[in-house]
Every structure is written in structure tokens, then in C-alpha cells.
Amino acid sequence: MKLVKENQKEWQDRKGYSKKILYSVQDIPKNTNQLQKMKIPKGNTIANHYHKNTSEIFYCIKGKAVFSIEGNDFEFTKGDAALCEAGEKHEVKQVLEDLHFLTFKINQKENDTVWL
């Protein structure tokens, strides 16, 4: 077992969002390479993009946003989970309330994000 105390991890600032890497490839067996907690402030977005190799599972902890996967928009709120397969274009179009969610990355490769 590997227990991670979130308050012992640092936020990493990115374009319009911040993330904490809770587990990475050294911590998780098999194909799940990383678990991140992400936060996006109200009003921010994440531009449309895809990953060549990485699939992602998103799990909403709190807040509300409009996500889009392959052009299909949906409201993402507390308790929702969404799977985005490698190659699927996805974006956070609108954050209606400060958003906190977990991202499980599967088959993650470095530099495999393609911004559109």
C-alpha cells in the first residue's frame, strides 16, 4: 500500500489550471501511470487537445464545468466520471464553479499531448 497525503504534494501551475501529481509510473503497477488532482478556477478553460498514447479517466470531486469529448458536450459535476481514450479530442469549454477533479492517466508517455 502507498498512502499519499495530499497536503504533502505541491501544486504545479500550467496554462489555465494547476495539478498535483499524487502517484506516478513508479508508484502504480501495470498500465495506470499517474493519478493527478486537478483544479481549474471558475471562468478558465483547457484548450482542445488529444493524447497520442494516453487514455484518461476523470472523476469530479467538486464544482461544475462543461467538458467536451469528440465534440460531445456534457456537464461535469461532483460524482461524475468520464473516460477519454487515446486519440479522442477533449477540452474543458467552461468552468461554471471552481472545479476539482482526479485524473487517472493510463499508458502515459512523455510529450504525447497534441494541442489543437
PDB file of N, CA and C in Angstrom:
ATOM      1  N   MET A   1       0.844  -1.183   0.000  1.00  0.00           N
ATOM      2  CA  MET A   1       0.000   0.000   0.000  1.00  0.00           C
ATOM      3  C   MET A   1       0.884   1.238   0.000  1.00  0.00           C
ATOM      4  N   LYS A   2       0.458   2.231  -0.740  1.00  0.00           N
ATOM      5  CA  LYS A   2       1.156   3.512  -0.768  1.00  0.00           C
ATOM      6  C   LYS A   2       0.147   4.612  -0.477  1.00  0.00           C
ATOM      7  N   LEU A   3       0.283   5.223   0.680  1.00  0.00           N
ATOM      8  CA  LEU A   3      -0.617   6.286   1.093  1.00  0.00           C
ATOM      9  C   LEU A   3       0.009   7.626   0.744  1.00  0.00           C
ATOM     10  N   VAL A   4      -0.768   8.481   0.116  1.00  0.00           N
ATOM     11  CA  VAL A   4      -0.307   9.821  -0.228  1.00  0.00           C
ATOM     12  C   VAL A   4      -1.134  10.832   0.550  1.00  0.00           C
ATOM     13  N   LYS A   5      -0.454  11.716   1.253  1.00  0.00           N
ATOM     14  CA  LYS A   5      -1.109  12.833   1.929  1.00  0.00           C
ATOM     15  C   LYS A   5      -1.086  14.017   0.968  1.00  0.00           C
ATOM     16  N   GLU A   6      -2.266  14.406   0.513  1.00  0.00           N
ATOM     17  CA  GLU A   6      -2.343  15.467  -0.480  1.00  0.00           C
ATOM     18  C   GLU A   6      -1.621  16.736  -0.048  1.00  0.00           C
ATOM     19  N   ASN A   7      -1.701  17.068   1.229  1.00  0.00           N
ATOM     20  CA  ASN A   7      -1.085  18.313   1.702  1.00  0.00           C
ATOM     21  C   ASN A   7       0.448  18.264   1.684  1.00  0.00           C
ATOM     22  N   GLN A   8       1.025  17.114   1.383  1.00  0.00           N
ATOM     23  CA  GLN A   8       2.481  16.998   1.276  1.00  0.00           C
ATOM     24  C   GLN A   8       2.961  17.123  -0.172  1.00  0.00           C
ATOM     25  N   LYS A   9       2.032  17.297  -1.095  1.00  0.00           N
ATOM     26  CA  LYS A   9       2.362  17.459  -2.511  1.00  0.00           C
ATOM     27  C   LYS A   9       2.163  18.913  -2.914  1.00  0.00           C
ATOM     28  N   GLU A  10       2.966  19.377  -3.855  1.00  0.00           N
ATOM     29  CA  GLU A  10       2.915  20.767  -4.302  1.00  0.00           C
ATOM     30  C   GLU A  10       2.074  20.898  -5.567  1.00  0.00           C
ATOM     31  N   TRP A  11       1.376  22.031  -5.689  1.00  0.00           N
ATOM     32  CA  TRP A  11       0.656  22.342  -6.918  1.00  0.00           C
ATOM     33  C   TRP A  11       1.660  22.711  -8.005  1.00  0.00           C
ATOM     34  N   GLN A  12       1.425  22.249  -9.219  1.00  0.00           N
ATOM     35  CA  GLN A  12       2.214  22.624 -10.383  1.00  0.00           C
ATOM     36  C   GLN A  12       1.314  23.453 -11.292  1.00  0.00           C
ATOM     37  N   ASP A  13       1.697  24.700 -11.539  1.00  0.00           N
ATOM     38  CA  ASP A  13       0.876  25.589 -12.351  1.00  0.00           C
ATOM     39  C   ASP A  13       1.116  25.324 -13.830  1.00  0.00           C
ATOM     40  N   ARG A  14       0.015  25.286 -14.569  1.00  0.00           N
ATOM     41  CA  ARG A  14       0.040  25.081 -16.010  1.00  0.00           C
ATOM     42  C   ARG A  14      -0.817  26.157 -16.665  1.00  0.00           C
ATOM     43  N   LYS A  15      -1.057  26.035 -17.955  1.00  0.00           N
ATOM     44  CA  LYS A  15      -1.853  27.007 -18.704  1.00  0.00           C
ATOM     45  C   LYS A  15      -3.314  26.931 -18.292  1.00  0.00           C
ATOM     46  N   GLY A  16      -3.763  27.805 -17.415  1.00  0.00           N
ATOM     47  CA  GLY A  16      -5.169  27.873 -17.033  1.00  0.00           C
ATOM     48  C   GLY A  16      -5.595  26.900 -15.951  1.00  0.00           C
ATOM     49  N   TYR A  17      -4.684  26.075 -15.456  1.00  0.00           N
ATOM     50  CA  TYR A  17      -5.036  25.110 -14.413  1.00  0.00           C
ATOM     51  C   TYR A  17      -3.794  24.771 -13.605  1.00  0.00           C
ATOM     52  N   SER A  18      -3.991  24.074 -12.500  1.00  0.00           N
ATOM     53  CA  SER A  18      -2.898  23.586 -11.654  1.00  0.00           C
ATOM     54  C   SER A  18      -3.130  22.112 -11.384  1.00  0.00           C
ATOM     55  N   LYS A  19      -2.055  21.376 -11.095  1.00  0.00           N
ATOM     56  CA  LYS A  19      -2.198  19.951 -10.805  1.00  0.00           C
ATOM     57  C   LYS A  19      -1.232  19.538  -9.715  1.00  0.00           C
ATOM     58  N   LYS A  20      -1.616  18.468  -9.013  1.00  0.00           N
ATOM     59  CA  LYS A  20      -0.753  17.792  -8.050  1.00  0.00           C
ATOM     60  C   LYS A  20      -0.599  16.364  -8.532  1.00  0.00           C
ATOM     61  N   ILE A  21       0.602  15.899  -8.703  1.00  0.00           N
ATOM     62  CA  ILE A  21       0.812  14.504  -9.077  1.00  0.00           C
ATOM     63  C   ILE A  21       0.849  13.708  -7.778  1.00  0.00           C
ATOM     64  N   LEU A  22      -0.165  12.863  -7.598  1.00  0.00           N
ATOM     65  CA  LEU A  22      -0.284  12.083  -6.376  1.00  0.00           C
ATOM     66  C   LEU A  22       0.457  10.754  -6.487  1.00  0.00           C
ATOM     67  N   TYR A  23       0.327  10.087  -7.619  1.00  0.00           N
ATOM     68  CA  TYR A  23       1.056   8.853  -7.914  1.00  0.00           C
ATOM     69  C   TYR A  23       1.592   8.979  -9.339  1.00  0.00           C
ATOM     70  N   SER A  24       2.715   8.361  -9.620  1.00  0.00           N
ATOM     71  CA  SER A  24       3.227   8.359 -10.987  1.00  0.00           C
ATOM     72  C   SER A  24       3.638   6.943 -11.365  1.00  0.00           C
ATOM     73  N   VAL A  25       4.285   6.806 -12.497  1.00  0.00           N
ATOM     74  CA  VAL A  25       4.604   5.488 -13.051  1.00  0.00           C
ATOM     75  C   VAL A  25       5.391   4.611 -12.072  1.00  0.00           C
ATOM     76  N   GLN A  26       6.220   5.198 -11.223  1.00  0.00           N
ATOM     77  CA  GLN A  26       6.983   4.419 -10.245  1.00  0.00           C
ATOM     78  C   GLN A  26       6.099   3.854  -9.135  1.00  0.00           C
ATOM     79  N   ASP A  27       4.937   4.453  -8.933  1.00  0.00           N
ATOM     80  CA  ASP A  27       4.062   4.091  -7.817  1.00  0.00           C
ATOM     81  C   ASP A  27       2.955   3.105  -8.170  1.00  0.00           C
ATOM     82  N   ILE A  28       2.553   3.071  -9.419  1.00  0.00           N
ATOM     83  CA  ILE A  28       1.353   2.335  -9.799  1.00  0.00           C
ATOM     84  C   ILE A  28       1.729   1.204 -10.746  1.00  0.00           C
ATOM     85  N   PRO A  29       1.321  -0.004 -10.433  1.00  0.00           N
ATOM     86  CA  PRO A  29       1.642  -1.120 -11.316  1.00  0.00           C
ATOM     87  C   PRO A  29       0.809  -1.117 -12.600  1.00  0.00           C
ATOM     88  N   LYS A  30       1.251  -1.893 -13.550  1.00  0.00           N
ATOM     89  CA  LYS A  30       0.548  -2.122 -14.822  1.00  0.00           C
ATOM     90  C   LYS A  30       0.519  -0.860 -15.660  1.00  0.00           C
ATOM     91  N   ASN A  31      -0.638  -0.586 -16.268  1.00  0.00           N
ATOM     92  CA  ASN A  31      -0.723   0.481 -17.255  1.00  0.00           C
ATOM     93  C   ASN A  31      -1.184   1.830 -16.718  1.00  0.00           C
ATOM     94  N   THR A  32      -1.627   1.902 -15.468  1.00  0.00           N
ATOM     95  CA  THR A  32      -2.013   3.194 -14.901  1.00  0.00           C
ATOM     96  C   THR A  32      -0.751   3.868 -14.401  1.00  0.00           C
ATOM     97  N   ASN A  33      -0.384   4.957 -15.057  1.00  0.00           N
ATOM     98  CA  ASN A  33       0.905   5.572 -14.795  1.00  0.00           C
ATOM     99  C   ASN A  33       0.875   6.747 -13.834  1.00  0.00           C
ATOM    100  N   GLN A  34      -0.278   7.371 -13.678  1.00  0.00           N
ATOM    101  CA  GLN A  34      -0.283   8.578 -12.864  1.00  0.00           C
ATOM    102  C   GLN A  34      -1.693   8.876 -12.379  1.00  0.00           C
ATOM    103  N   LEU A  35      -1.771   9.387 -11.168  1.00  0.00           N
ATOM    104  CA  LEU A  35      -3.012   9.910 -10.609  1.00  0.00           C
ATOM    105  C   LEU A  35      -2.741  11.354 -10.241  1.00  0.00           C
ATOM    106  N   GLN A  36      -3.550  12.264 -10.789  1.00  0.00           N
ATOM    107  CA  GLN A  36      -3.403  13.692 -10.521  1.00  0.00           C
ATOM    108  C   GLN A  36      -4.684  14.227  -9.900  1.00  0.00           C
ATOM    109  N   LYS A  37      -4.542  15.205  -9.028  1.00  0.00           N
ATOM    110  CA  LYS A  37      -5.678  16.016  -8.619  1.00  0.00           C
ATOM    111  C   LYS A  37      -5.516  17.338  -9.349  1.00  0.00           C
ATOM    112  N   MET A  38      -6.582  17.754 -10.017  1.00  0.00           N
ATOM    113  CA  MET A  38      -6.505  18.989 -10.791  1.00  0.00           C
ATOM    114  C   MET A  38      -7.534  19.986 -10.278  1.00  0.00           C
ATOM    115  N   LYS A  39      -7.225  21.266 -10.461  1.00  0.00           N
ATOM    116  CA  LYS A  39      -8.185  22.317 -10.123  1.00  0.00           C
ATOM    117  C   LYS A  39      -8.160  23.361 -11.228  1.00  0.00           C
ATOM    118  N   ILE A  40      -9.347  23.817 -11.561  1.00  0.00           N
ATOM    119  CA  ILE A  40      -9.488  24.852 -12.571  1.00  0.00           C
ATOM    120  C   ILE A  40     -10.424  25.912 -11.994  1.00  0.00           C
ATOM    121  N   PRO A  41      -9.954  27.145 -11.874  1.00  0.00           N
ATOM    122  CA  PRO A  41     -10.814  28.200 -11.332  1.00  0.00           C
ATOM    123  C   PRO A  41     -11.983  28.526 -12.258  1.00  0.00           C
ATOM    124  N   LYS A  42     -13.069  28.989 -11.665  1.00  0.00           N
ATOM    125  CA  LYS A  42     -14.249  29.427 -12.408  1.00  0.00           C
ATOM    126  C   LYS A  42     -13.811  30.392 -13.506  1.00  0.00           C
ATOM    127  N   GLY A  43     -14.364  30.184 -14.688  1.00  0.00           N
ATOM    128  CA  GLY A  43     -14.067  31.068 -15.815  1.00  0.00           C
ATOM    129  C   GLY A  43     -12.906  30.610 -16.692  1.00  0.00           C
ATOM    130  N   ASN A  44     -12.071  29.697 -16.221  1.00  0.00           N
ATOM    131  CA  ASN A  44     -10.942  29.220 -17.013  1.00  0.00           C
ATOM    132  C   ASN A  44     -11.369  28.086 -17.938  1.00  0.00           C
ATOM    133  N   THR A  45     -10.513  27.766 -18.870  1.00  0.00           N
ATOM    134  CA  THR A  45     -10.757  26.681 -19.814  1.00  0.00           C
ATOM    135  C   THR A  45      -9.466  25.892 -20.015  1.00  0.00           C
ATOM    136  N   ILE A  46      -9.584  24.708 -20.618  1.00  0.00           N
ATOM    137  CA  ILE A  46      -8.434  23.965 -21.121  1.00  0.00           C
ATOM    138  C   ILE A  46      -8.716  23.738 -22.602  1.00  0.00           C
ATOM    139  N   ALA A  47      -7.790  24.162 -23.444  1.00  0.00           N
ATOM    140  CA  ALA A  47      -7.981  24.114 -24.892  1.00  0.00           C
ATOM    141  C   ALA A  47      -8.123  22.685 -25.403  1.00  0.00           C
ATOM    142  N   ASN A  48      -8.739  22.577 -26.561  1.00  0.00           N
ATOM    143  CA  ASN A  48      -8.944  21.294 -27.205  1.00  0.00           C
ATOM    144  C   ASN A  48      -7.590  20.632 -27.490  1.00  0.00           C
ATOM    145  N   HIS A  49      -7.506  19.343 -27.184  1.00  0.00           N
ATOM    146  CA  HIS A  49      -6.265  18.594 -27.371  1.00  0.00           C
ATOM    147  C   HIS A  49      -6.559  17.100 -27.368  1.00  0.00           C
ATOM    148  N   TYR A  50      -5.547  16.315 -27.672  1.00  0.00           N
ATOM    149  CA  TYR A  50      -5.654  14.871 -27.545  1.00  0.00           C
ATOM    150  C   TYR A  50      -4.301  14.313 -27.155  1.00  0.00           C
ATOM    151  N   HIS A  51      -4.284  13.055 -26.771  1.00  0.00           N
ATOM    152  CA  HIS A  51      -3.050  12.366 -26.393  1.00  0.00           C
ATOM    153  C   HIS A  51      -2.857  11.199 -27.349  1.00  0.00           C
ATOM    154  N   LYS A  52      -1.646  11.078 -27.867  1.00  0.00           N
ATOM    155  CA  LYS A  52      -1.349  10.018 -28.836  1.00  0.00           C
ATOM    156  C   LYS A  52      -1.465   8.634 -28.210  1.00  0.00           C
ATOM    157  N   ASN A  53      -1.022   8.479 -26.972  1.00  0.00           N
ATOM    158  CA  ASN A  53      -0.985   7.168 -26.310  1.00  0.00           C
ATOM    159  C   ASN A  53      -1.794   7.087 -25.028  1.00  0.00           C
ATOM    160  N   THR A  54      -1.997   8.202 -24.379  1.00  0.00           N
ATOM    161  CA  THR A  54      -2.576   8.228 -23.042  1.00  0.00           C
ATOM    162  C   THR A  54      -4.098   8.266 -23.071  1.00  0.00           C
ATOM    163  N   SER A  55      -4.719   7.370 -22.315  1.00  0.00           N
ATOM    164  CA  SER A  55      -6.158   7.462 -22.025  1.00  0.00           C
ATOM    165  C   SER A  55      -6.290   8.093 -20.644  1.00  0.00           C
ATOM    166  N   GLU A  56      -7.410   8.762 -20.390  1.00  0.00           N
ATOM    167  CA  GLU A  56      -7.615   9.419 -19.097  1.00  0.00           C
ATOM    168  C   GLU A  56      -9.002   9.097 -18.564  1.00  0.00           C
ATOM    169  N   ILE A  57      -9.056   8.922 -17.252  1.00  0.00           N
ATOM    170  CA  ILE A  57     -10.325   8.805 -16.552  1.00  0.00           C
ATOM    171  C   ILE A  57     -10.401  10.006 -15.615  1.00  0.00           C
ATOM    172  N   PHE A  58     -11.478  10.782 -15.728  1.00  0.00           N
ATOM    173  CA  PHE A  58     -11.684  11.956 -14.888  1.00  0.00           C
ATOM    174  C   PHE A  58     -12.765  11.636 -13.859  1.00  0.00           C
ATOM    175  N   TYR A  59     -12.542  12.079 -12.611  1.00  0.00           N
ATOM    176  CA  TYR A  59     -13.544  11.908 -11.553  1.00  0.00           C
ATOM    177  C   TYR A  59     -13.710  13.242 -10.832  1.00  0.00           C
ATOM    178  N   CYS A  60     -14.925  13.793 -10.855  1.00  0.00           N
ATOM    179  CA  CYS A  60     -15.188  15.109 -10.275  1.00  0.00           C
ATOM    180  C   CYS A  60     -15.383  15.025  -8.761  1.00  0.00           C
ATOM    181  N   ILE A  61     -14.618  15.815  -8.041  1.00  0.00           N
ATOM    182  CA  ILE A  61     -14.721  15.906  -6.583  1.00  0.00           C
ATOM    183  C   ILE A  61     -15.675  17.027  -6.176  1.00  0.00           C
ATOM    184  N   LYS A  62     -15.559  18.175  -6.864  1.00  0.00           N
ATOM    185  CA  LYS A  62     -16.477  19.287  -6.599  1.00  0.00           C
ATOM    186  C   LYS A  62     -16.432  20.273  -7.752  1.00  0.00           C
ATOM    187  N   GLY A  63     -17.486  21.067  -7.836  1.00  0.00           N
ATOM    188  CA  GLY A  63     -17.567  22.086  -8.868  1.00  0.00           C
ATOM    189  C   GLY A  63     -18.434  21.669 -10.038  1.00  0.00           C
ATOM    190  N   LYS A  64     -18.399  22.497 -11.086  1.00  0.00           N
ATOM    191  CA  LYS A  64     -19.220  22.239 -12.269  1.00  0.00           C
ATOM    192  C   LYS A  64     -18.538  22.845 -13.484  1.00  0.00           C
ATOM    193  N   ALA A  65     -18.541  22.075 -14.585  1.00  0.00           N
ATOM    194  CA  ALA A  65     -17.935  22.553 -15.827  1.00  0.00           C
ATOM    195  C   ALA A  65     -18.631  21.917 -17.022  1.00  0.00           C
ATOM    196  N   VAL A  66     -18.363  22.484 -18.184  1.00  0.00           N
ATOM    197  CA  VAL A  66     -18.791  21.885 -19.441  1.00  0.00           C
ATOM    198  C   VAL A  66     -17.552  21.279 -20.084  1.00  0.00           C
ATOM    199  N   PHE A  67     -17.559  19.950 -20.197  1.00  0.00           N
ATOM    200  CA  PHE A  67     -16.494  19.203 -20.857  1.00  0.00           C
ATOM    201  C   PHE A  67     -16.961  18.871 -22.271  1.00  0.00           C
ATOM    202  N   SER A  68     -16.013  18.614 -23.146  1.00  0.00           N
ATOM    203  CA  SER A  68     -16.330  18.122 -24.476  1.00  0.00           C
ATOM    204  C   SER A  68     -15.345  17.025 -24.834  1.00  0.00           C
ATOM    205  N   ILE A  69     -15.860  15.873 -25.268  1.00  0.00           N
ATOM    206  CA  ILE A  69     -15.026  14.792 -25.773  1.00  0.00           C
ATOM    207  C   ILE A  69     -15.545  14.454 -27.168  1.00  0.00           C
ATOM    208  N   GLU A  70     -14.678  14.597 -28.158  1.00  0.00           N
ATOM    209  CA  GLU A  70     -15.036  14.342 -29.554  1.00  0.00           C
ATOM    210  C   GLU A  70     -16.257  15.156 -29.984  1.00  0.00           C
ATOM    211  N   GLY A  71     -16.326  16.415 -29.495  1.00  0.00           N
ATOM    212  CA  GLY A  71     -17.406  17.303 -29.886  1.00  0.00           C
ATOM    213  C   GLY A  71     -18.723  17.096 -29.148  1.00  0.00           C
ATOM    214  N   ASN A  72     -18.759  16.137 -28.230  1.00  0.00           N
ATOM    215  CA  ASN A  72     -19.962  15.902 -27.425  1.00  0.00           C
ATOM    216  C   ASN A  72     -19.827  16.630 -26.093  1.00  0.00           C
ATOM    217  N   ASP A  73     -20.606  17.690 -25.915  1.00  0.00           N
ATOM    218  CA  ASP A  73     -20.560  18.490 -24.691  1.00  0.00           C
ATOM    219  C   ASP A  73     -21.396  17.828 -23.598  1.00  0.00           C
ATOM    220  N   PHE A  74     -20.895  17.930 -22.358  1.00  0.00           N
ATOM    221  CA  PHE A  74     -21.664  17.433 -21.217  1.00  0.00           C
ATOM    222  C   PHE A  74     -21.275  18.203 -19.975  1.00  0.00           C
ATOM    223  N   GLU A  75     -22.231  18.294 -19.033  1.00  0.00           N
ATOM    224  CA  GLU A  75     -21.965  18.930 -17.748  1.00  0.00           C
ATOM    225  C   GLU A  75     -21.240  17.927 -16.860  1.00  0.00           C
ATOM    226  N   PHE A  76     -20.156  18.366 -16.257  1.00  0.00           N
ATOM    227  CA  PHE A  76     -19.317  17.533 -15.399  1.00  0.00           C
ATOM    228  C   PHE A  76     -19.418  18.085 -13.990  1.00  0.00           C
ATOM    229  N   THR A  77     -20.027  17.305 -13.065  1.00  0.00           N
ATOM    230  CA  THR A  77     -20.254  17.756 -11.693  1.00  0.00           C
ATOM    231  C   THR A  77     -19.839  16.679 -10.704  1.00  0.00           C
ATOM    232  N   LYS A  78     -19.876  17.029  -9.421  1.00  0.00           N
ATOM    233  CA  LYS A  78     -19.461  16.133  -8.345  1.00  0.00           C
ATOM    234  C   LYS A  78     -20.044  14.729  -8.523  1.00  0.00           C
ATOM    235  N   GLY A  79     -19.146  13.736  -8.451  1.00  0.00           N
ATOM    236  CA  GLY A  79     -19.549  12.346  -8.561  1.00  0.00           C
ATOM    237  C   GLY A  79     -19.524  11.797  -9.972  1.00  0.00           C
ATOM    238  N   ASP A  80     -19.354  12.663 -10.977  1.00  0.00           N
ATOM    239  CA  ASP A  80     -19.294  12.201 -12.357  1.00  0.00           C
ATOM    240  C   ASP A  80     -17.903  11.659 -12.675  1.00  0.00           C
ATOM    241  N   ALA A  81     -17.861  10.656 -13.545  1.00  0.00           N
ATOM    242  CA  ALA A  81     -16.599  10.130 -14.066  1.00  0.00           C
ATOM    243  C   ALA A  81     -16.708  10.091 -15.582  1.00  0.00           C
ATOM    244  N   ALA A  82     -15.612  10.355 -16.266  1.00  0.00           N
ATOM    245  CA  ALA A  82     -15.597  10.328 -17.724  1.00  0.00           C
ATOM    246  C   ALA A  82     -14.308   9.659 -18.192  1.00  0.00           C
ATOM    247  N   LEU A  83     -14.431   8.821 -19.211  1.00  0.00           N
ATOM    248  CA  LEU A  83     -13.276   8.150 -19.802  1.00  0.00           C
ATOM    249  C   LEU A  83     -12.999   8.768 -21.156  1.00  0.00           C
ATOM    250  N   CYS A  84     -11.757   9.152 -21.384  1.00  0.00           N
ATOM    251  CA  CYS A  84     -11.331   9.711 -22.662  1.00  0.00           C
ATOM    252  C   CYS A  84     -10.207   8.820 -23.190  1.00  0.00           C
ATOM    253  N   GLU A  85     -10.463   8.137 -24.305  1.00  0.00           N
ATOM    254  CA  GLU A  85      -9.487   7.210 -24.887  1.00  0.00           C
ATOM    255  C   GLU A  85      -8.387   7.980 -25.622  1.00  0.00           C
ATOM    256  N   ALA A  86      -7.230   7.348 -25.756  1.00  0.00           N
ATOM    257  CA  ALA A  86      -6.135   7.932 -26.533  1.00  0.00           C
ATOM    258  C   ALA A  86      -6.652   8.307 -27.920  1.00  0.00           C
ATOM    259  N   GLY A  87      -6.267   9.493 -28.389  1.00  0.00           N
ATOM    260  CA  GLY A  87      -6.676   9.962 -29.705  1.00  0.00           C
ATOM    261  C   GLY A  87      -7.973  10.750 -29.722  1.00  0.00           C
ATOM    262  N   GLU A  88      -8.761  10.688 -28.651  1.00  0.00           N
ATOM    263  CA  GLU A  88     -10.015  11.441 -28.615  1.00  0.00           C
ATOM    264  C   GLU A  88      -9.743  12.895 -28.241  1.00  0.00           C
ATOM    265  N   LYS A  89     -10.262  13.804 -29.046  1.00  0.00           N
ATOM    266  CA  LYS A  89     -10.105  15.233 -28.765  1.00  0.00           C
ATOM    267  C   LYS A  89     -11.000  15.604 -27.596  1.00  0.00           C
ATOM    268  N   HIS A  90     -10.438  16.371 -26.645  1.00  0.00           N
ATOM    269  CA  HIS A  90     -11.220  16.767 -25.482  1.00  0.00           C
ATOM    270  C   HIS A  90     -10.778  18.128 -24.974  1.00  0.00           C
ATOM    271  N   GLU A  91     -11.713  18.788 -24.272  1.00  0.00           N
ATOM    272  CA  GLU A  91     -11.433  20.122 -23.734  1.00  0.00           C
ATOM    273  C   GLU A  91     -12.386  20.425 -22.588  1.00  0.00           C
ATOM    274  N   VAL A  92     -11.992  21.389 -21.781  1.00  0.00           N
ATOM    275  CA  VAL A  92     -12.884  21.955 -20.770  1.00  0.00           C
ATOM    276  C   VAL A  92     -13.316  23.298 -21.343  1.00  0.00           C
ATOM    277  N   LYS A  93     -14.564  23.367 -21.794  1.00  0.00           N
ATOM    278  CA  LYS A  93     -15.047  24.545 -22.513  1.00  0.00           C
ATOM    279  C   LYS A  93     -15.405  25.700 -21.588  1.00  0.00           C
ATOM    280  N   GLN A  94     -15.944  25.352 -20.398  1.00  0.00           N
ATOM    281  CA  GLN A  94     -16.397  26.403 -19.484  1.00  0.00           C
ATOM    282  C   GLN A  94     -16.416  25.848 -18.069  1.00  0.00           C
ATOM    283  N   VAL A  95     -15.809  26.575 -17.150  1.00  0.00           N
ATOM    284  CA  VAL A  95     -15.871  26.201 -15.733  1.00  0.00           C
ATOM    285  C   VAL A  95     -16.886  27.127 -15.077  1.00  0.00           C
ATOM    286  N   LEU A  96     -18.006  26.535 -14.650  1.00  0.00           N
ATOM    287  CA  LEU A  96     -19.117  27.297 -14.078  1.00  0.00           C
ATOM    288  C   LEU A  96     -18.943  27.536 -12.588  1.00  0.00           C
ATOM    289  N   GLU A  97     -18.283  26.592 -11.898  1.00  0.00           N
ATOM    290  CA  GLU A  97     -17.918  26.698 -10.480  1.00  0.00           C
ATOM    291  C   GLU A  97     -16.515  26.132 -10.353  1.00  0.00           C
ATOM    292  N   ASP A  98     -15.697  26.688  -9.446  1.00  0.00           N
ATOM    293  CA  ASP A  98     -14.341  26.162  -9.254  1.00  0.00           C
ATOM    294  C   ASP A  98     -14.381  24.640  -9.289  1.00  0.00           C
ATOM    295  N   LEU A  99     -13.530  24.047 -10.114  1.00  0.00           N
ATOM    296  CA  LEU A  99     -13.585  22.614 -10.369  1.00  0.00           C
ATOM    297  C   LEU A  99     -12.381  21.903  -9.773  1.00  0.00           C
ATOM    298  N   HIS A 100     -12.626  20.813  -9.064  1.00  0.00           N
ATOM    299  CA  HIS A 100     -11.580  19.934  -8.536  1.00  0.00           C
ATOM    300  C   HIS A 100     -11.910  18.523  -9.006  1.00  0.00           C
ATOM    301  N   PHE A 101     -10.942  17.863  -9.642  1.00  0.00           N
ATOM    302  CA  PHE A 101     -11.192  16.509 -10.128  1.00  0.00           C
ATOM    303  C   PHE A 101      -9.907  15.701 -10.151  1.00  0.00           C
ATOM    304  N   LEU A 102     -10.074  14.386 -10.165  1.00  0.00           N
ATOM    305  CA  LEU A 102      -8.950  13.465 -10.274  1.00  0.00           C
ATOM    306  C   LEU A 102      -8.811  13.036 -11.720  1.00  0.00           C
ATOM    307  N   THR A 103      -7.572  12.875 -12.156  1.00  0.00           N
ATOM    308  CA  THR A 103      -7.289  12.350 -13.488  1.00  0.00           C
ATOM    309  C   THR A 103      -6.396  11.132 -13.335  1.00  0.00           C
ATOM    310  N   PHE A 104      -6.884   9.984 -13.792  1.00  0.00           N
ATOM    311  CA  PHE A 104      -6.101   8.758 -13.839  1.00  0.00           C
ATOM    312  C   PHE A 104      -5.566   8.638 -15.260  1.00  0.00           C
ATOM    313  N   LYS A 105      -4.254   8.610 -15.420  1.00  0.00           N
ATOM    314  CA  LYS A 105      -3.630   8.519 -16.740  1.00  0.00           C
ATOM    315  C   LYS A 105      -3.186   7.075 -16.983  1.00  0.00           C
ATOM    316  N   ILE A 106      -3.545   6.552 -18.150  1.00  0.00           N
ATOM    317  CA  ILE A 106      -3.277   5.161 -18.495  1.00  0.00           C
ATOM    318  C   ILE A 106      -2.417   5.129 -19.754  1.00  0.00           C
ATOM    319  N   ASN A 107      -1.346   4.338 -19.725  1.00  0.00           N
ATOM    320  CA  ASN A 107      -0.384   4.253 -20.839  1.00  0.00           C
ATOM    321  C   ASN A 107       0.255   5.599 -21.138  1.00  0.00           C
ATOM    322  N   GLN A 108       0.519   6.368 -20.111  1.00  0.00           N
ATOM    323  CA  GLN A 108       1.061   7.710 -20.294  1.00  0.00           C
ATOM    324  C   GLN A 108       2.461   7.664 -20.876  1.00  0.00           C
ATOM    325  N   LYS A 109       2.696   8.541 -21.838  1.00  0.00           N
ATOM    326  CA  LYS A 109       4.010   8.745 -22.430  1.00  0.00           C
ATOM    327  C   LYS A 109       4.342  10.230 -22.314  1.00  0.00           C
ATOM    328  N   GLU A 110       5.614  10.528 -22.149  1.00  0.00           N
ATOM    329  CA  GLU A 110       6.034  11.932 -22.093  1.00  0.00           C
ATOM    330  C   GLU A 110       5.781  12.604 -23.447  1.00  0.00           C
ATOM    331  N   ASN A 111       5.411  13.871 -23.414  1.00  0.00           N
ATOM    332  CA  ASN A 111       5.222  14.692 -24.608  1.00  0.00           C
ATOM    333  C   ASN A 111       4.254  14.090 -25.609  1.00  0.00           C
ATOM    334  N   ASP A 112       3.159  13.491 -25.130  1.00  0.00           N
ATOM    335  CA  ASP A 112       2.205  12.908 -26.072  1.00  0.00           C
ATOM    336  C   ASP A 112       0.926  13.729 -26.210  1.00  0.00           C
ATOM    337  N   THR A 113       0.917  14.945 -25.654  1.00  0.00           N
ATOM    338  CA  THR A 113      -0.229  15.850 -25.793  1.00  0.00           C
ATOM    339  C   THR A 113      -0.092  16.653 -27.083  1.00  0.00           C
ATOM    340  N   VAL A 114      -1.141  16.682 -27.876  1.00  0.00           N
ATOM    341  CA  VAL A 114      -1.188  17.469 -29.091  1.00  0.00           C
ATOM    342  C   VAL A 114      -2.263  18.537 -28.906  1.00  0.00           C
ATOM    343  N   TRP A 115      -1.836  19.804 -28.833  1.00  0.00           N
ATOM    344  CA  TRP A 115      -2.770  20.920 -28.658  1.00  0.00           C
ATOM    345  C   TRP A 115      -3.293  21.349 -30.018  1.00  0.00           C
ATOM    346  N   LEU A 116      -4.592  21.580 -30.097  1.00  0.00           N
ATOM    347  CA  LEU A 116      -5.221  21.936 -31.376  1.00  0.00           C
ATOM    348  C   LEU A 116      -5.536  23.421 -31.452  1.00  0.00           C
TER     349      LEU A 116
END
